[in-house]
Amino acid sequence: MIKIQNNDSNTGKKLVVVKESYGNAFVPFLIPHYDEIYVVDSRYYNSSLKKLVNEQGVKEVLFINNIFAANTEKIVKTIEEIQ
C-alpha cells in the first residue's frame, strides 16, 4: 500500500485505488483531484480494505484491473468485504 499526499489539493477528497499493474499508469492522472490517494495492489495486500477505508475516512474506492484479474476470487472477496 502506498499513500500519495497531494499538498497542493484542498478538495477534502480521499480515494483508495485497488489495482494491479494496469493501474500504475492511471494513478498519476488522479493525483490533482484528491488530497490523499491510497494505492493498494490487490495481489499483495493482505490487510482489511474495509478497515483502511473506514480508518482513513475514504468515501471513494476505484478498482482498476484487467479483465482477467477482475473476476478472480480475491478481487470478488475484496469487493464483498467493503459493501
Protein backbone atom coordinates (compact mmCIF):
# COMPACT_ATOMS: atom_id res chain seq x y z
CA MET A 1 0.00 0.00 0.00
CA ILE A 2 1.27 3.43 -0.96
CA LYS A 3 -0.16 6.71 0.28
CA ILE A 4 0.08 9.69 -2.06
CA GLN A 5 -0.37 13.04 -0.33
CA ASN A 6 -1.19 15.98 -2.59
CA ASN A 7 -0.33 19.10 -0.59
CA ASP A 8 -1.50 21.32 -3.46
CA SER A 9 -5.05 19.98 -3.29
CA ASN A 10 -7.73 21.28 -0.96
CA THR A 11 -10.67 19.20 -2.16
CA GLY A 12 -11.13 17.24 1.07
CA LYS A 13 -11.40 14.11 -1.06
CA LYS A 14 -9.66 10.80 -0.42
CA LEU A 15 -9.53 7.77 -2.70
CA VAL A 16 -8.49 4.14 -2.42
CA VAL A 17 -7.33 2.62 -5.71
CA VAL A 18 -7.32 -1.18 -5.80
CA LYS A 19 -5.18 -2.11 -8.75
CA GLU A 20 -2.68 -4.45 -10.28
CA SER A 21 -0.09 -3.46 -12.86
CA TYR A 22 -2.69 -1.92 -15.18
CA GLY A 23 -3.43 0.74 -12.58
CA ASN A 24 0.15 2.01 -12.38
CA ALA A 25 -0.24 4.16 -15.48
CA PHE A 26 -3.63 5.55 -14.41
CA VAL A 27 -2.98 6.67 -10.83
CA PRO A 28 -0.90 9.78 -11.75
CA PHE A 29 -3.93 11.21 -13.57
CA LEU A 30 -5.94 11.05 -10.32
CA ILE A 31 -3.48 12.99 -8.14
CA PRO A 32 -4.68 16.55 -8.98
CA HIS A 33 -8.23 15.64 -7.94
CA TYR A 34 -7.62 14.24 -4.43
CA ASP A 35 -5.90 15.27 -1.20
CA GLU A 36 -4.91 11.67 -0.46
CA ILE A 37 -4.80 8.54 -2.57
CA TYR A 38 -4.16 5.11 -1.09
CA VAL A 39 -2.89 2.74 -3.78
CA VAL A 40 -3.40 -0.93 -2.97
CA ASP A 41 -2.05 -3.72 -5.14
CA SER A 42 -4.65 -6.46 -4.80
CA ARG A 43 -2.05 -9.15 -5.47
CA TYR A 44 0.00 -8.31 -2.38
CA TYR A 45 -2.29 -6.51 0.07
CA ASN A 46 -3.45 -8.86 2.80
CA SER A 47 -4.91 -6.37 5.29
CA SER A 48 -8.56 -5.38 5.53
CA LEU A 49 -9.58 -2.97 2.79
CA LYS A 50 -12.72 -2.11 4.73
CA LYS A 51 -10.61 -1.17 7.76
CA LEU A 52 -8.37 1.06 5.60
CA VAL A 53 -11.39 2.81 4.09
CA ASN A 54 -13.04 3.38 7.47
CA GLU A 55 -9.92 4.43 9.38
CA GLN A 56 -8.85 6.96 6.73
CA GLY A 57 -12.35 8.37 6.12
CA VAL A 58 -12.31 7.44 2.45
CA LYS A 59 -15.58 7.88 0.51
CA GLU A 60 -14.45 6.59 -2.90
CA VAL A 61 -12.90 3.27 -3.96
CA LEU A 62 -11.76 2.66 -7.53
CA PHE A 63 -10.93 -0.79 -8.88
CA ILE A 64 -8.56 -0.83 -11.86
CA ASN A 65 -7.90 -4.34 -13.11
CA ASN A 66 -7.50 -6.10 -16.39
CA ILE A 67 -10.46 -8.20 -17.46
CA PHE A 68 -8.93 -11.47 -16.31
CA ALA A 69 -7.95 -10.22 -12.86
CA ALA A 70 -11.31 -8.55 -12.23
CA ASN A 71 -13.09 -11.86 -11.79
CA THR A 72 -10.60 -13.62 -9.52
CA GLU A 73 -11.71 -14.96 -6.17
CA LYS A 74 -9.51 -12.49 -4.27
CA ILE A 75 -10.96 -9.43 -6.04
CA VAL A 76 -14.53 -10.66 -5.60
CA LYS A 77 -13.92 -11.17 -1.85
CA THR A 78 -12.37 -7.69 -1.60
CA ILE A 79 -15.44 -6.12 -3.19
CA GLU A 80 -17.80 -8.09 -0.96
CA GLU A 81 -15.83 -7.05 2.12
CA ILE A 82 -16.32 -3.30 1.63
CA GLN A 83 -20.02 -3.40 0.81
